[in-house]
Amino acid sequence: MWRELFAPQWVSVHGLVTTLALGIYLANSHARKQRRHPSAAIAWFVSLALMPYLALPLYLLLGSRKIPRNLVGLHVQPTAAAMKPPGLSRTQILASTLGLPPASTYEHFELHEDGRQARQSLMAMIDSATTTLDICVFVMGQDALGQEVALHLIQSAQKGVQVRLLVDGVGAYLGGRLNWRALTDAGVHVSRFVSPFLSPLPGRTNLRNHRKMAIADSCRVWMGGRNLAAEYFEGDPSRRQPKTAWTDLSFVLSGAIALQAQNQFHQDWTFATQAQRQEPTAPPDMTVAAPCVQWLPSGPDQAEDTLYTLLISSCFAAQNRIMAVSPYFVPDATLQMALTLAARRGVLVDLVLPRKSNHRLADMARHAALRELTAAGARVWLTPEMIHAKAVVIDDELAMAGSANLDERSLFLNYEVMVAFYKPTDIEQFAQWMARRRQSAQPYEAQATSLLRELLEGMVRWLAFQL
C-alpha cells in the first residue's frame, strides 16, 4: 500500500497540486493586492505546501480579506499632503492619507453609563424616528431585549417610517431564532450580511460585519459595542438559563457625524442586498466649526487596515498615558511592541479586561502578551464581570470607541467602525468611564509557565486567530 502511495505518478500528481495551490495563492494575492499579516501569510503558505488538498478549498472559501474598491463604492480619496489644512492633529493627518471621511462635528454627545441608560436611549431613538431608521448589528437575540427592539421596529414601520435591519449572516444564528417573519410582515426591511452559505463574492465567507449602529433620520446615531441581546444591556433573569448583564459601552451622537454613519449603512446595505448603489450624502461645510469627531471604518471595504494603522501610530506617539478596554486581547507583534515600548519609556499603560470572557480560546491566547506587558511596567486590570466595551484613550489628544476588539480578527478581518474623539472634555469622559470600571478590578498577576504551556498558547494563537 505504502509503495503504491509513493509511486512516481502519485508523487508527480501531488507536486502538481501543490504547485497549483501555491500559484493560485500568489496570483490571487498579487492581483487583488491582498496584503496579509506576516504570520497569516506564513500560515497559509505552509498549509498550502503541506496539505494542498485541504488548504486550497479553505483558501478559496476564506482566503480573501479585501474587497475590490469598484465593488464597494463610497470611498473617500486620500488627501494630498500639500492640501491638508493647518491645525490638524497627527491622527487627522494620517487618517486623511488613508481615504477616511474627514473629521466632522456633532451637536450632541451622550456616553451611556450602564445598560439601563443605553437601553432607554436606544428605544427613545427608535421611537423618535420620523422618516428613516437604519440598524446594523452583529447579533440580535431571541430574548427580552431582542423582542422589545423588534416590537419598537414594528411600531415604527406601522407609523410609516422606512425601517431597515441589517444583521450579520453568522451573527443571525448566534442570537436564537427570532421571528423575522413578523418584522417583514409589518414592513421592516430585513437583510443578512453575507450568509455563510451564500456569499455574494468568493473567498469572503469569514469576513463578518461586526459594526453596531442605529441611525434615525440621518441625523442621530446610537453606536458602540452592544449587540441587540439582553446580556449586553441589563440581562434577562426570566429565561430558563438566565442571562447575566455584561458591562458594555455605547453612546449617541447627533449632527454631521450621523450623515457619515448613514452613508456607511447605505454602503453595507447595498453590498448585502446587491441593490442599486446610492450616491453618498455630502456632509455640510465644516469650515466654520472645529472638527471634533471622525468616522473610522475598518475592514474588507477599506483599502488600508485603517484602524490598525491609526492605533499603532498613536501608541508609538503616546507621551503620557494609554488606556484601553476590550473583551479580548490578542494583539499582533507590532501592536504588542508599541504598547510594550510605551510602558518601558514611562507612558502609563492601563488595560482593562474581563477575568473570564465568553471565549476561552481568547483567554488562553492572551497570557503571553499580558506577561510581557506587565514585565515592561504596564498595568492590566481584570474585572470580575464580563466586560464587552471597546475603547482606547491616548494622552489628552485622542479617544476611539466603537465595535473593534483588540484582537487580530477585529483589526484585520471584520467590518468594524470606531469614532475618534478629539475634544479634551470628551476624551476625559471615556478615561473616567474606564477608571470607574477599574475600581472593582484586580491587577493581573503573571503565573510561572512551563514550556508545554507556552507551546499550547502559541498553538492557540496560530490556529485560532491567523487564518
Protein backbone atom coordinates (compact mmCIF):
# COMPACT_ATOMS: atom_id res chain seq x y z
CA MET A 1 0.00 0.00 0.00
CA TRP A 2 2.70 2.47 1.02
CA ARG A 3 4.73 1.56 -2.05
CA GLU A 4 1.73 2.39 -4.26
CA LEU A 5 1.11 5.62 -2.39
CA PHE A 6 4.63 6.83 -3.06
CA ALA A 7 4.70 5.64 -6.64
CA PRO A 8 6.26 8.19 -9.04
CA GLN A 9 2.95 9.06 -10.69
CA TRP A 10 1.28 9.92 -7.38
CA VAL A 11 4.27 11.94 -6.25
CA SER A 12 4.08 13.86 -9.52
CA VAL A 13 0.35 14.49 -9.08
CA HIS A 14 0.91 15.70 -5.52
CA GLY A 15 3.69 18.01 -6.69
CA LEU A 16 1.45 19.39 -9.42
CA VAL A 17 -1.42 20.04 -6.98
CA THR A 18 0.95 21.72 -4.52
CA THR A 19 2.41 23.92 -7.24
CA LEU A 20 -1.08 24.82 -8.45
CA ALA A 21 -2.23 25.70 -4.92
CA LEU A 22 0.77 27.92 -4.26
CA GLY A 23 0.39 29.52 -7.68
CA ILE A 24 -3.26 30.36 -7.00
CA TYR A 25 -2.29 31.85 -3.64
CA LEU A 26 0.48 34.03 -5.08
CA ALA A 27 -1.53 35.11 -8.13
CA ASN A 28 -4.59 35.98 -6.06
CA SER A 29 -2.54 37.91 -3.50
CA HIS A 30 -0.87 39.94 -6.25
CA ALA A 31 -3.93 40.54 -8.42
CA ARG A 32 -6.18 41.58 -5.52
CA LYS A 33 -3.47 43.39 -3.54
CA GLN A 34 -4.12 41.01 -0.63
CA ARG A 35 -1.53 42.18 1.87
CA ARG A 36 -1.52 39.98 4.95
CA HIS A 37 0.00 39.99 8.35
CA PRO A 38 3.33 38.07 8.05
CA SER A 39 2.27 35.25 10.37
CA ALA A 40 -1.02 34.79 8.49
CA ALA A 41 0.85 34.73 5.17
CA ILE A 42 3.24 32.11 6.51
CA ALA A 43 0.35 30.04 7.88
CA TRP A 44 -1.42 29.98 4.51
CA PHE A 45 1.78 29.27 2.56
CA VAL A 46 2.85 26.38 4.80
CA SER A 47 -0.66 24.91 4.85
CA LEU A 48 -0.93 25.05 1.05
CA ALA A 49 2.51 23.48 0.67
CA LEU A 50 1.96 20.63 3.14
CA MET A 51 -1.79 20.00 2.86
CA PRO A 52 -2.92 21.39 -0.52
CA TYR A 53 -5.99 19.12 -0.79
CA LEU A 54 -7.40 20.54 2.46
CA ALA A 55 -5.88 24.02 2.46
CA LEU A 56 -6.78 25.03 -1.12
CA PRO A 57 -10.58 24.66 -0.66
CA LEU A 58 -10.30 26.54 2.65
CA TYR A 59 -8.29 29.29 0.99
CA LEU A 60 -10.79 29.65 -1.85
CA LEU A 61 -13.60 29.82 0.73
CA LEU A 62 -11.96 32.02 3.35
CA GLY A 63 -8.73 33.41 1.95
CA SER A 64 -9.57 36.91 0.68
CA ARG A 65 -9.75 39.73 3.20
CA LYS A 66 -10.17 42.80 0.99
CA ILE A 67 -12.94 43.61 -1.48
CA PRO A 68 -12.13 45.32 -4.81
CA ARG A 69 -12.91 49.01 -4.42
CA ASN A 70 -15.10 49.09 -7.52
CA LEU A 71 -17.50 46.65 -5.78
CA VAL A 72 -17.84 48.77 -2.66
CA GLY A 73 -18.16 52.43 -3.58
CA LEU A 74 -18.48 55.41 -1.23
CA HIS A 75 -14.72 55.70 -0.73
CA VAL A 76 -13.08 58.99 0.08
CA GLN A 77 -9.90 59.61 -1.86
CA PRO A 78 -6.74 60.22 0.18
CA THR A 79 -5.97 63.86 0.73
CA ALA A 80 -2.78 65.15 -0.86
CA ALA A 81 -0.23 66.28 1.72
CA ALA A 82 0.02 69.72 0.17
CA MET A 83 -3.74 70.28 0.55
CA LYS A 84 -4.03 69.49 4.25
CA PRO A 85 -5.37 72.48 6.19
CA PRO A 86 -3.26 73.67 9.13
CA GLY A 87 -4.10 72.77 12.70
CA LEU A 88 -4.94 69.09 12.19
CA SER A 89 -3.88 66.54 14.79
CA ARG A 90 -1.49 63.68 13.95
CA THR A 91 -4.42 61.28 13.78
CA GLN A 92 -6.39 63.52 11.42
CA ILE A 93 -3.39 63.93 9.12
CA LEU A 94 -2.78 60.18 8.99
CA ALA A 95 -6.49 59.44 8.52
CA SER A 96 -6.61 61.81 5.55
CA THR A 97 -3.96 59.72 3.76
CA LEU A 98 -5.93 56.50 4.38
CA GLY A 99 -9.01 57.66 2.49
CA LEU A 100 -11.19 58.04 5.59
CA PRO A 101 -14.03 60.57 5.85
CA PRO A 102 -12.84 63.97 7.09
CA ALA A 103 -13.20 64.94 10.72
CA SER A 104 -16.67 66.26 11.47
CA THR A 105 -18.74 67.91 14.18
CA TYR A 106 -21.63 66.94 16.40
CA GLU A 107 -24.48 68.81 18.03
CA HIS A 108 -24.95 66.47 20.98
CA PHE A 109 -22.89 63.69 22.58
CA GLU A 110 -24.02 61.32 25.33
CA LEU A 111 -21.93 58.49 26.77
CA HIS A 112 -24.04 55.82 28.47
CA GLU A 113 -23.00 54.89 31.98
CA ASP A 114 -24.68 51.48 32.04
CA GLY A 115 -27.01 49.08 30.22
CA ARG A 116 -30.18 50.66 31.57
CA GLN A 117 -29.30 54.08 30.21
CA ALA A 118 -28.19 52.55 26.90
CA ARG A 119 -31.48 50.66 26.52
CA GLN A 120 -33.59 53.74 27.26
CA SER A 121 -31.56 55.77 24.78
CA LEU A 122 -31.93 53.14 22.05
CA MET A 123 -35.69 52.80 22.46
CA ALA A 124 -36.11 56.58 22.52
CA MET A 125 -34.15 56.88 19.29
CA ILE A 126 -36.21 54.19 17.57
CA ASP A 127 -39.46 55.82 18.68
CA SER A 128 -38.31 59.31 17.67
CA ALA A 129 -37.58 58.41 14.03
CA THR A 130 -39.96 60.14 11.63
CA THR A 131 -38.68 59.25 8.14
CA THR A 132 -35.90 56.63 8.23
CA LEU A 133 -34.48 54.19 10.76
CA ASP A 134 -31.47 52.01 9.89
CA ILE A 135 -29.94 49.43 12.24
CA CYS A 136 -26.79 47.38 11.65
CA VAL A 137 -25.85 44.76 14.25
CA PHE A 138 -23.86 41.56 14.60
CA VAL A 139 -26.30 39.66 16.88
CA MET A 140 -29.99 40.21 17.62
CA GLY A 141 -31.13 38.00 20.47
CA GLN A 142 -34.25 35.91 20.90
CA ASP A 143 -34.74 37.26 24.41
CA ALA A 144 -36.50 40.08 26.23
CA LEU A 145 -34.28 42.78 24.73
CA GLY A 146 -34.42 41.45 21.19
CA GLN A 147 -38.20 41.12 21.35
CA GLU A 148 -38.55 44.64 22.73
CA VAL A 149 -36.43 46.05 19.91
CA ALA A 150 -38.45 44.07 17.35
CA LEU A 151 -41.71 45.43 18.77
CA HIS A 152 -40.48 49.03 18.56
CA LEU A 153 -39.25 48.47 14.99
CA ILE A 154 -42.67 47.12 14.00
CA GLN A 155 -44.40 50.10 15.59
CA SER A 156 -42.08 52.49 13.72
CA ALA A 157 -42.77 50.76 10.40
CA GLN A 158 -46.51 50.93 11.03
CA LYS A 159 -46.19 54.70 11.53
CA GLY A 160 -44.76 55.00 8.02
CA VAL A 161 -41.06 55.13 8.91
CA GLN A 162 -38.76 53.33 6.46
CA VAL A 163 -37.10 50.74 8.71
CA ARG A 164 -34.12 48.65 7.61
CA LEU A 165 -32.43 46.00 9.76
CA LEU A 166 -29.07 44.52 8.71
CA VAL A 167 -27.86 41.52 10.74
CA ASP A 168 -24.60 39.70 10.11
CA GLY A 169 -25.03 36.38 8.31
CA VAL A 170 -23.28 34.40 11.06
CA GLY A 171 -24.49 36.54 13.96
CA ALA A 172 -28.09 35.92 12.86
CA TYR A 173 -27.67 32.31 14.04
CA LEU A 174 -25.98 33.18 17.33
CA GLY A 175 -28.86 35.03 18.98
CA GLY A 176 -31.53 32.35 18.63
CA ARG A 177 -34.47 32.02 16.24
CA LEU A 178 -36.01 35.48 16.20
CA ASN A 179 -39.37 35.86 14.44
CA TRP A 180 -38.07 37.54 11.29
CA ARG A 181 -41.40 36.96 9.51
CA ALA A 182 -43.24 39.21 11.97
CA LEU A 183 -40.80 42.01 11.17
CA THR A 184 -41.07 41.69 7.40
CA ASP A 185 -44.86 41.31 7.51
CA ALA A 186 -45.03 44.63 9.38
CA GLY A 187 -42.98 46.37 6.69
CA VAL A 188 -39.49 46.18 8.21
CA HIS A 189 -36.85 45.53 5.54
CA VAL A 190 -34.56 42.79 6.89
CA SER A 191 -31.35 41.52 5.31
CA ARG A 192 -28.45 39.32 6.36
CA PHE A 193 -24.94 40.50 5.66
CA VAL A 194 -23.13 37.74 3.74
CA SER A 195 -24.71 34.42 4.62
CA PRO A 196 -22.04 31.80 5.43
CA PHE A 197 -23.73 29.54 2.88
CA LEU A 198 -24.36 32.12 0.14
CA SER A 199 -21.61 34.74 -0.09
CA PRO A 200 -22.04 37.30 -2.89
CA LEU A 201 -18.31 37.09 -3.62
CA PRO A 202 -15.96 34.07 -3.42
CA GLY A 203 -13.35 33.94 -0.69
CA ARG A 204 -15.18 36.24 1.77
CA THR A 205 -17.22 33.84 3.88
CA ASN A 206 -15.26 34.52 7.08
CA LEU A 207 -15.39 38.32 6.78
CA ARG A 208 -18.07 39.27 9.30
CA ASN A 209 -19.88 42.59 9.76
CA HIS A 210 -19.20 43.42 13.41
CA ARG A 211 -20.44 47.02 13.17
CA LYS A 212 -23.18 48.10 15.59
CA MET A 213 -25.16 51.26 14.95
CA ALA A 214 -28.68 52.68 14.74
CA ILE A 215 -29.31 55.82 12.67
CA ALA A 216 -32.53 57.84 12.90
CA ASP A 217 -33.50 60.34 10.20
CA SER A 218 -29.84 60.63 9.08
CA CYS A 219 -29.17 62.99 11.98
CA ARG A 220 -28.76 60.82 15.11
CA VAL A 221 -26.59 57.73 15.58
CA TRP A 222 -26.57 55.29 18.51
CA MET A 223 -23.50 53.04 18.45
CA GLY A 224 -20.75 51.27 20.38
CA GLY A 225 -20.04 47.68 21.33
CA ARG A 226 -23.52 46.43 22.23
CA ASN A 227 -25.32 43.76 20.25
CA LEU A 228 -29.12 43.76 20.48
CA ALA A 229 -29.34 40.99 23.07
CA ALA A 230 -30.12 41.06 26.79
CA GLU A 231 -26.64 40.34 28.15
CA TYR A 232 -25.27 43.50 26.50
CA PHE A 233 -27.75 45.67 28.41
CA GLU A 234 -29.48 44.61 31.66
CA GLY A 235 -29.56 40.82 31.36
CA ASP A 236 -32.64 38.60 31.25
CA PRO A 237 -33.41 36.77 34.53
CA SER A 238 -36.72 35.41 33.20
CA ARG A 239 -35.11 32.82 30.94
CA ARG A 240 -34.71 29.16 31.87
CA GLN A 241 -30.99 29.87 31.76
CA PRO A 242 -30.85 33.49 32.99
CA LYS A 243 -28.63 35.93 31.12
CA THR A 244 -26.36 37.98 33.36
CA ALA A 245 -25.76 41.58 32.36
CA TRP A 246 -22.34 42.36 30.92
CA THR A 247 -20.53 45.68 31.14
CA ASP A 248 -20.53 47.36 27.75
CA LEU A 249 -20.10 50.80 26.22
CA SER A 250 -22.31 52.80 23.86
CA PHE A 251 -23.04 56.41 23.06
CA VAL A 252 -25.21 58.73 20.97
CA LEU A 253 -24.08 61.44 18.57
CA SER A 254 -26.22 63.87 16.60
CA GLY A 255 -25.29 66.24 13.83
CA ALA A 256 -22.97 65.99 10.84
CA ILE A 257 -21.26 62.79 12.04
CA ALA A 258 -24.60 60.98 11.74
CA LEU A 259 -24.59 61.63 7.98
CA GLN A 260 -21.32 59.70 7.73
CA ALA A 261 -22.91 56.87 9.70
CA GLN A 262 -25.84 56.93 7.29
CA ASN A 263 -23.53 56.71 4.28
CA GLN A 264 -21.76 53.76 5.92
CA PHE A 265 -25.05 51.95 6.40
CA HIS A 266 -26.04 52.60 2.76
CA GLN A 267 -22.76 51.05 1.66
CA ASP A 268 -23.20 47.95 3.81
CA TRP A 269 -26.86 47.54 2.85
CA THR A 270 -26.09 47.87 -0.85
CA PHE A 271 -23.36 45.24 -0.65
CA ALA A 272 -25.53 42.83 1.34
CA THR A 273 -28.65 43.16 -0.81
CA GLN A 274 -26.95 43.80 -4.17
CA ALA A 275 -29.27 46.79 -4.53
CA GLN A 276 -28.59 49.77 -6.74
CA ARG A 277 -25.75 51.82 -5.35
CA GLN A 278 -26.72 55.18 -3.84
CA GLU A 279 -24.66 58.32 -4.03
CA PRO A 280 -23.36 59.34 -0.59
CA THR A 281 -24.92 62.35 1.09
CA ALA A 282 -22.46 65.21 1.25
CA PRO A 283 -21.83 66.50 4.79
CA PRO A 284 -22.32 70.18 5.50
CA ASP A 285 -19.42 72.60 5.18
CA MET A 286 -17.13 72.30 8.22
CA THR A 287 -15.03 75.41 7.64
CA VAL A 288 -16.66 77.43 10.42
CA ALA A 289 -16.63 74.72 13.06
CA ALA A 290 -13.67 72.99 14.65
CA PRO A 291 -13.90 69.26 13.82
CA CYS A 292 -14.08 67.20 16.99
CA VAL A 293 -15.08 63.68 15.88
CA GLN A 294 -14.16 61.40 12.98
CA TRP A 295 -15.80 58.31 11.49
CA LEU A 296 -13.27 55.44 11.39
CA PRO A 297 -14.48 52.44 9.36
CA SER A 298 -12.16 49.46 9.10
CA GLY A 299 -12.35 46.14 7.32
CA PRO A 300 -12.53 44.47 3.91
CA ASP A 301 -14.21 47.51 2.34
CA GLN A 302 -11.21 49.72 3.16
CA ALA A 303 -8.08 49.59 1.02
CA GLU A 304 -5.89 50.01 4.12
CA ASP A 305 -6.03 48.48 7.60
CA THR A 306 -7.22 51.84 8.83
CA LEU A 307 -7.95 51.26 12.50
CA TYR A 308 -4.82 49.16 12.99
CA THR A 309 -2.66 51.84 11.35
CA LEU A 310 -4.12 54.64 13.48
CA LEU A 311 -3.80 52.57 16.65
CA ILE A 312 -0.15 51.67 16.03
CA SER A 313 0.79 55.25 15.16
CA SER A 314 -0.98 56.65 18.23
CA CYS A 315 0.64 54.15 20.61
CA PHE A 316 4.12 54.91 19.31
CA ALA A 317 3.45 58.66 19.63
CA ALA A 318 1.91 58.49 23.14
CA GLN A 319 3.72 60.56 25.76
CA ASN A 320 1.70 60.33 28.99
CA ARG A 321 -0.98 57.64 29.00
CA ILE A 322 -2.59 54.83 27.05
CA MET A 323 -5.87 53.48 28.41
CA ALA A 324 -7.75 50.65 26.73
CA VAL A 325 -10.69 48.38 27.44
CA SER A 326 -11.53 45.28 25.40
CA PRO A 327 -13.20 41.91 25.99
CA TYR A 328 -10.39 40.11 24.15
CA PHE A 329 -6.70 40.96 23.91
CA VAL A 330 -4.79 39.07 21.23
CA PRO A 331 -2.52 41.68 19.62
CA ASP A 332 -0.16 41.05 16.75
CA ALA A 333 3.58 41.54 17.27
CA THR A 334 3.60 45.19 16.15
CA LEU A 335 0.78 46.32 18.44
CA GLN A 336 2.34 44.36 21.29
CA MET A 337 5.67 46.09 20.65
CA ALA A 338 4.05 49.53 20.53
CA LEU A 339 2.37 49.01 23.91
CA THR A 340 5.44 47.40 25.49
CA LEU A 341 7.81 50.14 24.35
CA ALA A 342 5.37 52.80 25.55
CA ALA A 343 5.37 51.24 29.01
CA ARG A 344 9.17 50.96 29.02
CA ARG A 345 9.65 54.64 28.18
CA GLY A 346 7.41 55.72 31.06
CA VAL A 347 3.99 56.05 29.47
CA LEU A 348 1.25 54.93 31.87
CA VAL A 349 -0.37 51.96 30.12
CA ASP A 350 -3.65 50.69 31.63
CA LEU A 351 -5.51 47.77 30.06
CA VAL A 352 -8.94 46.68 31.36
CA LEU A 353 -10.07 43.13 30.51
CA PRO A 354 -12.56 40.62 31.92
CA ARG A 355 -11.12 37.98 34.23
CA LYS A 356 -13.01 35.40 32.15
CA SER A 357 -14.51 36.28 28.80
CA ASN A 358 -17.10 34.32 26.85
CA HIS A 359 -14.34 32.95 24.58
CA ARG A 360 -11.98 30.61 26.41
CA LEU A 361 -9.56 30.36 23.47
CA ALA A 362 -9.08 34.13 23.56
CA ASP A 363 -8.40 33.97 27.30
CA MET A 364 -5.77 31.28 26.78
CA ALA A 365 -4.15 33.11 23.88
CA ARG A 366 -3.72 36.42 25.75
CA HIS A 367 -1.38 35.32 28.55
CA ALA A 368 1.93 35.61 26.69
CA ALA A 369 1.13 39.20 25.69
CA LEU A 370 -0.02 40.09 29.22
CA ARG A 371 3.13 38.64 30.80
CA GLU A 372 5.31 40.75 28.51
CA LEU A 373 3.27 43.90 29.12
CA THR A 374 3.28 43.64 32.91
CA ALA A 375 7.01 42.88 32.89
CA ALA A 376 7.51 46.15 30.98
CA GLY A 377 5.56 48.11 33.61
CA ALA A 378 2.06 48.19 32.12
CA ARG A 379 -0.93 47.71 34.42
CA VAL A 380 -3.52 45.10 33.47
CA TRP A 381 -6.85 45.10 35.32
CA LEU A 382 -9.21 42.11 35.36
CA THR A 383 -12.88 42.82 36.07
CA PRO A 384 -14.96 40.18 37.91
CA GLU A 385 -17.81 40.51 35.39
CA MET A 386 -17.70 40.07 31.62
CA ILE A 387 -16.78 43.38 30.01
CA HIS A 388 -17.58 43.81 26.33
CA ALA A 389 -16.64 47.50 25.91
CA LYS A 390 -14.14 48.63 23.28
CA ALA A 391 -12.33 51.96 23.69
CA VAL A 392 -8.83 53.45 23.67
CA VAL A 393 -7.57 56.76 25.11
CA ILE A 394 -4.21 58.22 24.06
CA ASP A 395 -2.92 61.13 26.19
CA ASP A 396 -5.37 64.04 26.11
CA GLU A 397 -5.45 64.07 22.31
CA LEU A 398 -7.49 61.08 21.19
CA ALA A 399 -10.19 58.65 22.25
CA MET A 400 -11.53 55.90 19.98
CA ALA A 401 -14.68 53.93 20.79
CA GLY A 402 -16.94 51.60 18.85
CA SER A 403 -17.11 47.96 17.81
CA ALA A 404 -13.49 46.80 17.39
CA ASN A 405 -11.76 44.47 19.84
CA LEU A 406 -8.01 44.47 20.41
CA ASP A 407 -7.52 41.21 18.55
CA GLU A 408 -6.39 40.25 15.08
CA ARG A 409 -9.84 39.31 13.79
CA SER A 410 -11.21 42.78 14.53
CA LEU A 411 -8.11 44.60 13.31
CA PHE A 412 -7.57 42.62 10.10
CA LEU A 413 -10.72 40.71 9.08
CA ASN A 414 -14.00 42.07 10.43
CA TYR A 415 -16.03 45.03 9.20
CA GLU A 416 -15.69 47.40 12.17
CA VAL A 417 -16.34 51.04 12.96
CA MET A 418 -14.97 53.33 15.63
CA VAL A 419 -15.37 57.05 16.24
CA ALA A 420 -12.35 59.19 17.06
CA PHE A 421 -12.94 61.97 19.59
CA TYR A 422 -10.59 64.97 19.65
CA LYS A 423 -12.24 67.30 22.17
CA PRO A 424 -10.42 67.07 25.57
CA THR A 425 -13.67 67.00 27.58
CA ASP A 426 -14.97 64.06 25.52
CA ILE A 427 -11.67 62.22 25.83
CA GLU A 428 -11.79 62.65 29.59
CA GLN A 429 -15.31 61.18 29.72
CA PHE A 430 -14.01 57.94 28.23
CA ALA A 431 -10.98 57.99 30.54
CA GLN A 432 -13.21 58.40 33.60
CA TRP A 433 -15.58 55.66 32.38
CA MET A 434 -12.64 53.24 32.22
CA ALA A 435 -11.31 54.43 35.58
CA ARG A 436 -14.67 53.60 37.20
CA ARG A 437 -14.58 50.08 35.74
CA ARG A 438 -11.10 49.69 37.20
CA GLN A 439 -12.33 50.28 40.75
CA SER A 440 -13.79 46.77 41.05
CA ALA A 441 -10.99 45.09 39.08
CA GLN A 442 -7.97 43.19 40.35
CA PRO A 443 -4.45 43.57 38.93
CA TYR A 444 -3.23 40.78 36.67
CA GLU A 445 -0.51 38.64 38.21
CA ALA A 446 1.63 36.64 35.81
CA GLN A 447 1.99 32.99 36.75
CA ALA A 448 5.06 30.84 36.20
CA THR A 449 4.74 28.92 32.95
CA SER A 450 6.11 25.69 31.57
CA LEU A 451 7.43 25.03 28.09
CA LEU A 452 4.33 22.95 27.36
CA ARG A 453 2.05 25.81 28.42
CA GLU A 454 3.87 28.30 26.20
CA LEU A 455 3.71 25.91 23.24
CA LEU A 456 -0.02 25.43 23.81
CA GLU A 457 -0.62 29.19 23.98
CA GLY A 458 1.31 29.64 20.75
CA MET A 459 -0.70 26.92 19.03
CA VAL A 460 -3.97 28.53 20.12
CA ARG A 461 -2.86 31.91 18.77
CA TRP A 462 -1.67 30.47 15.47
CA LEU A 463 -4.69 28.29 14.83
CA ALA A 464 -7.49 30.49 16.13
CA PHE A 465 -6.57 34.00 15.01
CA GLN A 466 -4.27 33.90 11.98
CA LEU A 467 -6.35 32.37 9.19
